[in-house]
N, C-alpha and C. Protein backbone atom coordinates (compact mmCIF):
# COMPACT_ATOMS: atom_id res chain seq x y z
N MET A 1 384.54 50.18 -62.09
CA MET A 1 383.62 49.31 -62.79
C MET A 1 382.43 48.98 -61.89
N LYS A 2 382.73 48.64 -60.61
CA LYS A 2 381.69 48.31 -59.65
C LYS A 2 380.77 49.51 -59.45
N ALA A 3 381.32 50.70 -59.39
CA ALA A 3 380.53 51.92 -59.21
C ALA A 3 379.64 52.15 -60.43
N LEU A 4 380.16 51.87 -61.60
CA LEU A 4 379.38 52.05 -62.82
C LEU A 4 378.20 51.08 -62.86
N LEU A 5 378.41 49.83 -62.45
CA LEU A 5 377.32 48.86 -62.41
C LEU A 5 376.25 49.27 -61.41
N MET A 6 376.68 49.77 -60.23
CA MET A 6 375.73 50.21 -59.21
C MET A 6 374.92 51.40 -59.73
N PHE A 7 375.60 52.34 -60.40
CA PHE A 7 374.90 53.51 -60.95
C PHE A 7 373.87 53.07 -62.00
N SER A 8 374.26 52.10 -62.87
CA SER A 8 373.34 51.60 -63.90
C SER A 8 372.14 50.91 -63.27
N ALA A 9 372.37 50.12 -62.23
CA ALA A 9 371.27 49.43 -61.55
C ALA A 9 370.33 50.44 -60.91
N MET A 10 370.89 51.51 -60.29
CA MET A 10 370.05 52.55 -59.67
C MET A 10 369.24 53.27 -60.74
N ALA A 11 369.85 53.56 -61.88
CA ALA A 11 369.15 54.26 -62.95
C ALA A 11 368.01 53.40 -63.49
N LEU A 12 368.28 52.10 -63.66
CA LEU A 12 367.23 51.20 -64.13
C LEU A 12 366.09 51.12 -63.12
N SER A 13 366.47 51.04 -61.85
CA SER A 13 365.46 50.94 -60.79
C SER A 13 364.59 52.18 -60.74
N SER A 14 365.19 53.36 -60.79
CA SER A 14 364.39 54.59 -60.74
C SER A 14 363.60 54.76 -62.03
N GLY A 15 364.17 54.30 -63.15
CA GLY A 15 363.44 54.37 -64.42
C GLY A 15 362.21 53.49 -64.41
N SER A 16 362.33 52.27 -63.83
CA SER A 16 361.17 51.39 -63.80
C SER A 16 360.14 51.90 -62.82
N ALA A 17 360.56 52.54 -61.73
CA ALA A 17 359.60 53.14 -60.80
C ALA A 17 358.87 54.28 -61.48
N ALA A 18 359.62 55.10 -62.23
CA ALA A 18 358.98 56.20 -62.95
C ALA A 18 358.05 55.65 -64.02
N GLY A 19 358.49 54.57 -64.69
CA GLY A 19 357.64 53.94 -65.71
C GLY A 19 356.38 53.37 -65.09
N GLY A 20 356.50 52.77 -63.89
CA GLY A 20 355.33 52.24 -63.20
C GLY A 20 354.36 53.34 -62.82
N ALA A 21 354.89 54.47 -62.35
CA ALA A 21 354.04 55.61 -62.00
C ALA A 21 353.35 56.16 -63.25
N ALA A 22 354.12 56.22 -64.35
CA ALA A 22 353.52 56.72 -65.60
C ALA A 22 352.41 55.79 -66.07
N ALA A 23 352.64 54.47 -65.93
CA ALA A 23 351.61 53.51 -66.34
C ALA A 23 350.36 53.67 -65.47
N ALA A 24 350.56 53.89 -64.17
CA ALA A 24 349.42 54.08 -63.27
C ALA A 24 348.66 55.36 -63.64
N ASP A 25 349.42 56.43 -63.96
CA ASP A 25 348.77 57.67 -64.38
C ASP A 25 347.97 57.47 -65.67
N THR A 26 348.55 56.72 -66.60
CA THR A 26 347.86 56.46 -67.86
C THR A 26 346.59 55.64 -67.61
N ALA A 27 346.67 54.64 -66.73
CA ALA A 27 345.49 53.82 -66.43
C ALA A 27 344.40 54.66 -65.78
N ALA A 28 344.80 55.59 -64.90
CA ALA A 28 343.81 56.46 -64.24
C ALA A 28 343.18 57.41 -65.26
N ALA A 29 343.98 57.88 -66.21
CA ALA A 29 343.47 58.81 -67.21
C ALA A 29 342.61 58.09 -68.25
N ASN A 30 342.85 56.80 -68.45
CA ASN A 30 342.11 56.02 -69.44
C ASN A 30 341.47 54.81 -68.76
N PRO A 31 340.36 55.00 -68.03
CA PRO A 31 339.74 53.86 -67.37
C PRO A 31 339.23 52.87 -68.41
N PRO A 32 339.00 51.61 -67.99
CA PRO A 32 338.51 50.63 -68.95
C PRO A 32 337.18 51.05 -69.55
N ARG A 33 336.95 50.66 -70.77
CA ARG A 33 335.70 50.99 -71.46
C ARG A 33 334.60 50.07 -70.97
N SER A 34 333.39 50.56 -71.02
CA SER A 34 332.23 49.72 -70.72
C SER A 34 332.08 48.68 -71.82
N ILE A 35 331.47 47.56 -71.46
CA ILE A 35 331.14 46.55 -72.46
C ILE A 35 329.63 46.33 -72.42
N THR A 36 329.06 46.00 -73.54
CA THR A 36 327.63 45.71 -73.63
C THR A 36 327.44 44.23 -73.93
N ILE A 37 326.65 43.59 -73.10
CA ILE A 37 326.29 42.19 -73.29
C ILE A 37 324.82 42.17 -73.69
N GLN A 38 324.55 41.70 -74.89
CA GLN A 38 323.18 41.60 -75.38
C GLN A 38 322.65 40.19 -75.16
N SER A 39 321.36 40.12 -74.91
CA SER A 39 320.70 38.82 -74.85
C SER A 39 320.88 38.14 -76.19
N PRO A 40 321.12 36.85 -76.20
CA PRO A 40 321.15 35.86 -75.11
C PRO A 40 322.56 35.48 -74.69
N ASN A 41 323.55 36.37 -74.89
CA ASN A 41 324.94 36.04 -74.58
C ASN A 41 325.13 35.80 -73.08
N PRO A 42 326.13 34.98 -72.71
CA PRO A 42 326.36 34.69 -71.29
C PRO A 42 326.67 35.95 -70.50
N LEU A 43 326.21 35.96 -69.25
CA LEU A 43 326.44 37.09 -68.36
C LEU A 43 327.80 36.94 -67.71
N PRO A 44 328.62 37.99 -67.72
CA PRO A 44 329.93 37.89 -67.07
C PRO A 44 329.77 37.88 -65.55
N ASP A 45 330.73 37.29 -64.90
CA ASP A 45 330.74 37.26 -63.44
C ASP A 45 332.15 37.62 -62.97
N ASP A 46 332.58 38.84 -63.33
CA ASP A 46 333.96 39.24 -63.06
C ASP A 46 334.08 40.37 -62.05
N GLY A 47 332.99 40.69 -61.37
CA GLY A 47 333.07 41.69 -60.30
C GLY A 47 332.85 43.12 -60.75
N ARG A 48 332.78 43.36 -62.05
CA ARG A 48 332.52 44.74 -62.49
C ARG A 48 331.08 45.13 -62.17
N ILE A 49 330.86 46.41 -61.98
CA ILE A 49 329.50 46.92 -61.76
C ILE A 49 328.70 46.71 -63.03
N SER A 50 327.47 46.21 -62.86
CA SER A 50 326.62 45.95 -64.02
C SER A 50 325.35 46.79 -63.96
N VAL A 51 324.92 47.22 -65.14
CA VAL A 51 323.73 48.06 -65.29
C VAL A 51 322.81 47.40 -66.30
N PHE A 52 321.60 47.04 -65.87
CA PHE A 52 320.61 46.46 -66.77
C PHE A 52 319.82 47.59 -67.41
N LEU A 53 319.68 47.54 -68.73
CA LEU A 53 318.96 48.57 -69.47
C LEU A 53 317.52 48.11 -69.70
N ALA A 54 316.68 48.33 -68.70
CA ALA A 54 315.28 47.91 -68.75
C ALA A 54 314.46 49.02 -69.39
N GLY A 55 313.49 48.62 -70.19
CA GLY A 55 312.62 49.65 -70.75
C GLY A 55 312.06 49.27 -72.09
N SER A 56 311.44 50.24 -72.69
CA SER A 56 310.67 50.03 -73.92
C SER A 56 311.52 49.43 -75.04
N ILE A 57 311.00 48.34 -75.58
CA ILE A 57 311.51 47.73 -76.80
C ILE A 57 310.34 47.51 -77.76
N ASP A 58 309.23 47.05 -77.18
CA ASP A 58 308.00 46.82 -77.95
C ASP A 58 308.25 46.01 -79.22
N MET A 59 308.87 44.84 -79.02
CA MET A 59 309.14 43.92 -80.13
C MET A 59 309.96 44.60 -81.23
N GLY A 60 310.85 45.51 -80.85
CA GLY A 60 311.68 46.22 -81.81
C GLY A 60 311.06 47.48 -82.37
N GLY A 61 309.82 47.80 -81.95
CA GLY A 61 309.12 48.96 -82.49
C GLY A 61 309.49 50.28 -81.84
N SER A 62 310.12 50.25 -80.67
CA SER A 62 310.52 51.48 -79.99
C SER A 62 311.92 51.91 -80.42
N VAL A 63 312.19 53.19 -80.32
CA VAL A 63 313.50 53.73 -80.63
C VAL A 63 314.56 52.99 -79.81
N ASP A 64 315.74 52.80 -80.40
CA ASP A 64 316.82 52.07 -79.72
C ASP A 64 317.55 53.00 -78.74
N TRP A 65 316.86 53.31 -77.65
CA TRP A 65 317.45 54.19 -76.62
C TRP A 65 318.61 53.50 -75.91
N GLN A 66 318.63 52.16 -75.90
CA GLN A 66 319.71 51.43 -75.24
C GLN A 66 321.06 51.73 -75.89
N ALA A 67 321.07 51.86 -77.21
CA ALA A 67 322.31 52.18 -77.92
C ALA A 67 322.82 53.56 -77.52
N GLN A 68 321.90 54.51 -77.36
CA GLN A 68 322.29 55.86 -76.93
C GLN A 68 322.89 55.83 -75.53
N VAL A 69 322.26 55.10 -74.62
CA VAL A 69 322.78 55.00 -73.25
C VAL A 69 324.15 54.32 -73.25
N ALA A 70 324.31 53.27 -74.05
CA ALA A 70 325.60 52.58 -74.12
C ALA A 70 326.70 53.54 -74.59
N ARG A 71 326.40 54.40 -75.55
CA ARG A 71 327.39 55.38 -76.01
C ARG A 71 327.73 56.36 -74.90
N GLU A 72 326.71 56.80 -74.17
CA GLU A 72 326.93 57.81 -73.15
C GLU A 72 327.63 57.26 -71.91
N LEU A 73 327.53 55.96 -71.68
CA LEU A 73 328.19 55.35 -70.52
C LEU A 73 329.45 54.57 -70.92
N ALA A 74 329.92 54.76 -72.13
CA ALA A 74 331.06 54.00 -72.64
C ALA A 74 332.32 54.19 -71.80
N ASP A 75 332.46 55.33 -71.15
CA ASP A 75 333.67 55.61 -70.38
C ASP A 75 333.56 55.21 -68.91
N GLU A 76 332.50 54.55 -68.51
CA GLU A 76 332.29 54.21 -67.10
C GLU A 76 332.93 52.90 -66.67
N GLY A 77 333.34 52.07 -67.61
CA GLY A 77 333.97 50.81 -67.25
C GLY A 77 333.02 49.80 -66.61
N VAL A 78 331.74 49.86 -66.99
CA VAL A 78 330.74 48.96 -66.43
C VAL A 78 330.32 47.93 -67.46
N VAL A 79 329.56 46.94 -67.00
CA VAL A 79 328.95 45.97 -67.90
C VAL A 79 327.50 46.40 -68.10
N LEU A 80 327.13 46.68 -69.34
CA LEU A 80 325.77 47.07 -69.69
C LEU A 80 325.03 45.84 -70.18
N LEU A 81 323.95 45.48 -69.51
CA LEU A 81 323.17 44.30 -69.86
C LEU A 81 321.97 44.74 -70.68
N ASN A 82 321.98 44.42 -71.96
CA ASN A 82 320.99 44.92 -72.90
C ASN A 82 320.10 43.79 -73.40
N PRO A 83 318.80 43.81 -73.06
CA PRO A 83 317.91 42.74 -73.50
C PRO A 83 317.51 42.83 -74.98
N ARG A 84 317.79 43.94 -75.64
CA ARG A 84 317.41 44.10 -77.06
C ARG A 84 318.29 43.19 -77.91
N ARG A 85 317.66 42.32 -78.67
CA ARG A 85 318.38 41.35 -79.50
C ARG A 85 318.40 41.79 -80.95
N ASP A 86 319.60 41.75 -81.54
CA ASP A 86 319.73 42.05 -82.96
C ASP A 86 319.07 40.97 -83.82
N ASP A 87 319.02 39.74 -83.29
CA ASP A 87 318.50 38.63 -84.08
C ASP A 87 317.06 38.27 -83.70
N TRP A 88 316.33 39.20 -83.07
CA TRP A 88 314.97 38.89 -82.65
C TRP A 88 314.10 38.56 -83.86
N ASN A 89 313.34 37.48 -83.72
CA ASN A 89 312.47 37.04 -84.79
C ASN A 89 311.01 37.22 -84.35
N PRO A 90 310.27 38.13 -84.97
CA PRO A 90 308.89 38.36 -84.55
C PRO A 90 307.98 37.15 -84.75
N ALA A 91 308.44 36.15 -85.48
CA ALA A 91 307.65 34.93 -85.66
C ALA A 91 307.67 34.05 -84.41
N TRP A 92 308.63 34.30 -83.49
CA TRP A 92 308.65 33.52 -82.26
C TRP A 92 307.39 33.82 -81.45
N LYS A 93 306.70 32.80 -81.06
CA LYS A 93 305.46 32.98 -80.30
C LYS A 93 305.79 33.35 -78.85
N PRO A 94 305.03 34.29 -78.27
CA PRO A 94 305.25 34.64 -76.86
C PRO A 94 304.63 33.57 -75.96
N SER A 95 305.26 32.40 -75.99
CA SER A 95 304.75 31.24 -75.27
C SER A 95 305.91 30.57 -74.54
N ALA A 96 305.62 30.02 -73.37
CA ALA A 96 306.64 29.32 -72.60
C ALA A 96 307.17 28.10 -73.35
N ASP A 97 306.42 27.61 -74.32
CA ASP A 97 306.85 26.45 -75.11
C ASP A 97 307.78 26.83 -76.27
N GLU A 98 307.89 28.11 -76.56
CA GLU A 98 308.76 28.58 -77.65
C GLU A 98 310.18 28.70 -77.09
N PRO A 99 311.13 27.86 -77.55
CA PRO A 99 312.47 27.83 -76.93
C PRO A 99 313.19 29.18 -76.92
N GLU A 100 313.18 29.91 -78.03
CA GLU A 100 313.90 31.19 -78.07
C GLU A 100 313.21 32.24 -77.22
N PHE A 101 311.90 32.21 -77.16
CA PHE A 101 311.18 33.15 -76.31
C PHE A 101 311.50 32.86 -74.84
N ARG A 102 311.47 31.60 -74.45
CA ARG A 102 311.82 31.22 -73.08
C ARG A 102 313.25 31.65 -72.75
N ARG A 103 314.16 31.40 -73.69
CA ARG A 103 315.56 31.78 -73.49
C ARG A 103 315.69 33.29 -73.23
N GLN A 104 314.96 34.08 -73.99
CA GLN A 104 314.97 35.54 -73.82
C GLN A 104 314.46 35.94 -72.45
N VAL A 105 313.33 35.43 -72.06
CA VAL A 105 312.72 35.81 -70.77
C VAL A 105 313.62 35.37 -69.62
N GLU A 106 314.16 34.17 -69.69
CA GLU A 106 315.03 33.70 -68.61
C GLU A 106 316.31 34.52 -68.53
N TRP A 107 316.86 34.90 -69.70
CA TRP A 107 318.05 35.77 -69.69
C TRP A 107 317.73 37.08 -68.99
N GLU A 108 316.60 37.68 -69.33
CA GLU A 108 316.23 38.96 -68.72
C GLU A 108 316.04 38.83 -67.22
N LEU A 109 315.34 37.80 -66.78
CA LEU A 109 315.09 37.62 -65.34
C LEU A 109 316.41 37.45 -64.58
N THR A 110 317.31 36.65 -65.13
CA THR A 110 318.61 36.44 -64.48
C THR A 110 319.44 37.71 -64.47
N ALA A 111 319.48 38.40 -65.60
CA ALA A 111 320.27 39.64 -65.70
C ALA A 111 319.73 40.71 -64.75
N LEU A 112 318.42 40.82 -64.64
CA LEU A 112 317.83 41.79 -63.70
C LEU A 112 318.23 41.47 -62.27
N GLN A 113 318.21 40.21 -61.91
CA GLN A 113 318.58 39.82 -60.55
C GLN A 113 320.04 40.12 -60.27
N ARG A 114 320.91 39.86 -61.23
CA ARG A 114 322.35 40.03 -61.01
C ARG A 114 322.81 41.48 -61.08
N ALA A 115 322.07 42.32 -61.77
CA ALA A 115 322.50 43.70 -62.00
C ALA A 115 322.66 44.46 -60.69
N ASP A 116 323.66 45.34 -60.66
CA ASP A 116 323.85 46.24 -59.52
C ASP A 116 322.92 47.44 -59.62
N VAL A 117 322.63 47.86 -60.85
CA VAL A 117 321.77 49.01 -61.12
C VAL A 117 320.80 48.61 -62.23
N ILE A 118 319.55 49.04 -62.10
CA ILE A 118 318.57 48.85 -63.17
C ILE A 118 318.16 50.24 -63.64
N ALA A 119 318.53 50.57 -64.88
CA ALA A 119 318.13 51.84 -65.49
C ALA A 119 316.91 51.56 -66.35
N MET A 120 315.76 52.13 -65.97
CA MET A 120 314.50 51.82 -66.64
C MET A 120 313.96 53.06 -67.33
N TYR A 121 313.66 52.92 -68.63
CA TYR A 121 313.17 54.04 -69.43
C TYR A 121 311.91 53.65 -70.18
N PHE A 122 310.85 54.41 -69.95
CA PHE A 122 309.58 54.22 -70.67
C PHE A 122 309.52 55.25 -71.80
N VAL A 123 309.56 54.79 -73.04
CA VAL A 123 309.54 55.69 -74.19
C VAL A 123 308.13 56.25 -74.35
N PRO A 124 307.99 57.59 -74.44
CA PRO A 124 306.66 58.16 -74.69
C PRO A 124 306.02 57.55 -75.94
N GLY A 125 304.73 57.22 -75.84
CA GLY A 125 304.02 56.64 -76.95
C GLY A 125 304.12 55.13 -77.05
N SER A 126 304.95 54.52 -76.21
CA SER A 126 305.09 53.06 -76.25
C SER A 126 304.11 52.41 -75.29
N GLN A 127 303.97 51.09 -75.38
CA GLN A 127 303.11 50.32 -74.47
C GLN A 127 303.93 49.68 -73.35
N SER A 128 304.99 48.98 -73.70
CA SER A 128 305.97 48.44 -72.75
C SER A 128 305.39 47.57 -71.64
N PRO A 129 304.60 46.56 -71.99
CA PRO A 129 304.03 45.71 -70.93
C PRO A 129 305.07 44.95 -70.13
N VAL A 130 306.15 44.50 -70.79
CA VAL A 130 307.19 43.76 -70.06
C VAL A 130 307.90 44.68 -69.08
N THR A 131 308.13 45.92 -69.47
CA THR A 131 308.79 46.87 -68.57
C THR A 131 307.91 47.15 -67.36
N LEU A 132 306.61 47.24 -67.56
CA LEU A 132 305.70 47.42 -66.42
C LEU A 132 305.81 46.23 -65.46
N LEU A 133 305.91 45.02 -66.01
CA LEU A 133 306.09 43.83 -65.19
C LEU A 133 307.40 43.91 -64.41
N GLU A 134 308.47 44.32 -65.09
CA GLU A 134 309.78 44.43 -64.44
C GLU A 134 309.78 45.51 -63.36
N LEU A 135 309.05 46.59 -63.58
CA LEU A 135 308.91 47.62 -62.55
C LEU A 135 308.29 47.00 -61.29
N GLY A 136 307.22 46.23 -61.48
CA GLY A 136 306.58 45.58 -60.34
C GLY A 136 307.51 44.61 -59.61
N LEU A 137 308.31 43.88 -60.37
CA LEU A 137 309.23 42.91 -59.77
C LEU A 137 310.36 43.56 -58.98
N HIS A 138 310.82 44.74 -59.44
CA HIS A 138 312.05 45.30 -58.87
C HIS A 138 311.89 46.66 -58.19
N ALA A 139 310.66 47.13 -58.05
CA ALA A 139 310.44 48.44 -57.43
C ALA A 139 311.02 48.51 -56.02
N GLY A 140 310.94 47.42 -55.29
CA GLY A 140 311.44 47.42 -53.91
C GLY A 140 312.88 46.98 -53.74
N SER A 141 313.60 46.81 -54.84
CA SER A 141 314.97 46.26 -54.78
C SER A 141 316.03 47.25 -54.33
N GLY A 142 315.75 48.55 -54.48
CA GLY A 142 316.78 49.56 -54.18
C GLY A 142 317.76 49.74 -55.32
N LYS A 143 317.62 48.98 -56.41
CA LYS A 143 318.55 49.06 -57.54
C LYS A 143 318.02 49.91 -58.69
N LEU A 144 316.76 50.28 -58.62
CA LEU A 144 316.05 50.84 -59.77
C LEU A 144 316.17 52.36 -59.83
N LEU A 145 316.49 52.86 -61.03
CA LEU A 145 316.44 54.28 -61.37
C LEU A 145 315.51 54.37 -62.57
N LEU A 146 314.61 55.35 -62.58
CA LEU A 146 313.48 55.32 -63.51
C LEU A 146 313.27 56.66 -64.20
N ALA A 147 313.03 56.59 -65.52
CA ALA A 147 312.59 57.77 -66.26
C ALA A 147 311.32 57.41 -67.01
N CYS A 148 310.27 58.18 -66.76
CA CYS A 148 308.98 57.97 -67.42
C CYS A 148 308.45 59.34 -67.83
N PRO A 149 308.86 59.84 -68.99
CA PRO A 149 308.44 61.17 -69.43
C PRO A 149 306.94 61.23 -69.73
N ASP A 150 306.43 62.45 -69.82
CA ASP A 150 305.06 62.65 -70.27
C ASP A 150 304.88 61.99 -71.62
N GLY A 151 303.71 61.41 -71.83
CA GLY A 151 303.42 60.76 -73.09
C GLY A 151 303.39 59.25 -72.98
N PHE A 152 303.89 58.70 -71.84
CA PHE A 152 303.76 57.25 -71.66
C PHE A 152 302.36 56.98 -71.16
N TRP A 153 301.67 56.01 -71.76
CA TRP A 153 300.24 55.80 -71.55
C TRP A 153 299.87 55.45 -70.12
N ARG A 154 300.78 54.90 -69.33
CA ARG A 154 300.49 54.56 -67.94
C ARG A 154 301.42 55.31 -66.99
N LYS A 155 301.75 56.53 -67.35
CA LYS A 155 302.68 57.33 -66.51
C LYS A 155 302.16 57.46 -65.09
N GLY A 156 300.85 57.64 -64.90
CA GLY A 156 300.30 57.77 -63.55
C GLY A 156 300.56 56.53 -62.71
N ASN A 157 300.33 55.35 -63.29
CA ASN A 157 300.61 54.11 -62.57
C ASN A 157 302.09 54.00 -62.20
N VAL A 158 302.95 54.33 -63.16
CA VAL A 158 304.39 54.25 -62.93
C VAL A 158 304.81 55.21 -61.82
N ASP A 159 304.33 56.46 -61.88
CA ASP A 159 304.72 57.46 -60.88
C ASP A 159 304.25 57.07 -59.48
N ILE A 160 303.02 56.58 -59.37
CA ILE A 160 302.49 56.21 -58.06
C ILE A 160 303.26 55.02 -57.48
N THR A 161 303.55 54.03 -58.33
CA THR A 161 304.33 52.87 -57.87
C THR A 161 305.73 53.30 -57.44
N ALA A 162 306.36 54.17 -58.23
CA ALA A 162 307.70 54.65 -57.88
C ALA A 162 307.68 55.41 -56.55
N ASP A 163 306.65 56.23 -56.35
CA ASP A 163 306.54 56.96 -55.08
C ASP A 163 306.38 56.00 -53.91
N ARG A 164 305.53 54.99 -54.08
CA ARG A 164 305.27 54.03 -53.00
C ARG A 164 306.56 53.32 -52.56
N TYR A 165 307.41 52.96 -53.54
CA TYR A 165 308.62 52.19 -53.24
C TYR A 165 309.89 53.03 -53.23
N HIS A 166 309.74 54.35 -53.23
CA HIS A 166 310.88 55.28 -53.14
C HIS A 166 311.90 55.07 -54.27
N VAL A 167 311.38 54.84 -55.46
CA VAL A 167 312.24 54.69 -56.64
C VAL A 167 312.56 56.08 -57.17
N PRO A 168 313.83 56.44 -57.29
CA PRO A 168 314.18 57.75 -57.85
C PRO A 168 313.66 57.87 -59.29
N ARG A 169 312.98 59.01 -59.55
CA ARG A 169 312.37 59.25 -60.87
C ARG A 169 313.01 60.45 -61.54
N PHE A 170 313.12 60.35 -62.87
CA PHE A 170 313.72 61.42 -63.66
C PHE A 170 312.83 61.65 -64.88
N GLU A 171 312.84 62.87 -65.38
CA GLU A 171 311.90 63.24 -66.43
C GLU A 171 312.43 63.07 -67.85
N SER A 172 313.69 62.66 -67.99
CA SER A 172 314.25 62.52 -69.34
C SER A 172 315.34 61.45 -69.34
N LEU A 173 315.66 60.98 -70.54
CA LEU A 173 316.73 60.00 -70.68
C LEU A 173 318.09 60.57 -70.26
N PRO A 174 318.44 61.81 -70.66
CA PRO A 174 319.72 62.36 -70.19
C PRO A 174 319.81 62.46 -68.66
N ALA A 175 318.71 62.80 -68.01
CA ALA A 175 318.72 62.86 -66.54
C ALA A 175 318.90 61.48 -65.94
N LEU A 176 318.31 60.46 -66.57
CA LEU A 176 318.49 59.09 -66.11
C LEU A 176 319.94 58.65 -66.25
N VAL A 177 320.57 58.98 -67.38
CA VAL A 177 321.97 58.63 -67.59
C VAL A 177 322.85 59.29 -66.53
N ALA A 178 322.59 60.55 -66.23
CA ALA A 178 323.37 61.24 -65.19
C ALA A 178 323.19 60.56 -63.83
N ALA A 179 321.98 60.11 -63.53
CA ALA A 179 321.72 59.42 -62.27
C ALA A 179 322.44 58.07 -62.22
N VAL A 180 322.50 57.38 -63.35
CA VAL A 180 323.24 56.11 -63.40
C VAL A 180 324.71 56.36 -63.11
N ARG A 181 325.28 57.40 -63.70
CA ARG A 181 326.69 57.74 -63.43
C ARG A 181 326.92 57.97 -61.94
N GLU A 182 326.03 58.72 -61.31
CA GLU A 182 326.16 58.99 -59.88
C GLU A 182 326.06 57.72 -59.06
N ARG A 183 325.10 56.85 -59.41
CA ARG A 183 324.93 55.59 -58.67
C ARG A 183 326.16 54.70 -58.84
N VAL A 184 326.70 54.63 -60.05
CA VAL A 184 327.90 53.82 -60.29
C VAL A 184 329.05 54.34 -59.44
N GLU A 185 329.20 55.64 -59.37
CA GLU A 185 330.28 56.22 -58.56
C GLU A 185 330.09 55.88 -57.09
N ARG A 186 328.86 55.96 -56.60
CA ARG A 186 328.58 55.58 -55.20
C ARG A 186 328.92 54.12 -54.95
N LEU A 187 328.56 53.26 -55.88
CA LEU A 187 328.87 51.84 -55.73
C LEU A 187 330.38 51.59 -55.73
N ARG A 188 331.11 52.31 -56.58
CA ARG A 188 332.57 52.17 -56.61
C ARG A 188 333.17 52.57 -55.26
N ARG A 189 332.70 53.70 -54.72
CA ARG A 189 333.22 54.15 -53.42
C ARG A 189 332.88 53.14 -52.33
N ALA A 190 331.66 52.60 -52.36
CA ALA A 190 331.26 51.63 -51.35
C ALA A 190 332.11 50.37 -51.45
N ARG A 191 332.38 49.93 -52.66
CA ARG A 191 333.22 48.73 -52.83
C ARG A 191 334.64 48.97 -52.38
N ALA A 192 335.08 50.21 -52.52
CA ALA A 192 336.43 50.56 -52.06
C ALA A 192 336.47 50.81 -50.56
N GLY A 193 335.29 50.81 -49.92
CA GLY A 193 335.23 51.02 -48.49
C GLY A 193 335.34 52.47 -48.06
N SER A 194 335.05 53.40 -48.98
CA SER A 194 335.25 54.80 -48.63
C SER A 194 333.98 55.63 -48.71
N GLY A 195 332.83 54.99 -48.70
CA GLY A 195 331.62 55.82 -48.75
C GLY A 195 330.37 54.99 -48.62
N PRO A 196 329.23 55.67 -48.44
CA PRO A 196 327.96 54.95 -48.29
C PRO A 196 327.51 54.37 -49.61
N ARG A 197 326.75 53.33 -49.53
CA ARG A 197 326.24 52.67 -50.74
C ARG A 197 324.99 53.31 -51.23
């Protein structure tokens, strides 16, 4: 009887070890999904790598490239900070006295500061004055990755500024997404203590 109990305990112990290994393998095969936080929702502070999606919105007039990037980075397990608001009201005046406008700008400024990576995309044919401002604010941060394809009205200004501050530039949105993936992987290795940042 004693031998039977010992055998059962050993079988349970090896089964739970095998189950633990299987769970670890499953977790490695299925990393956590990325989450998207849209303005003006609270910014998480849970240690995950965050990517701010800076770029053309033009009061909702530009293509929703942020949604495309969110789909393409869904498997990265990062926090995507998206300033594009579903509830944006064009009647809000672009004035510091307008509460919702102020809330939007302050959310963006805070999210840009907190982000580990800033992915910036200038949509060809757009104006993007706020994105130009954000480029000026963060060009020297070391966090910025930039795509400014032909057709953006101030591409020359953007390219010269990026060159001056050594901002990596890419010619398309897919190339920018690939660069974000590489940067996220570098940050993960650096946080794990196994590689350069």
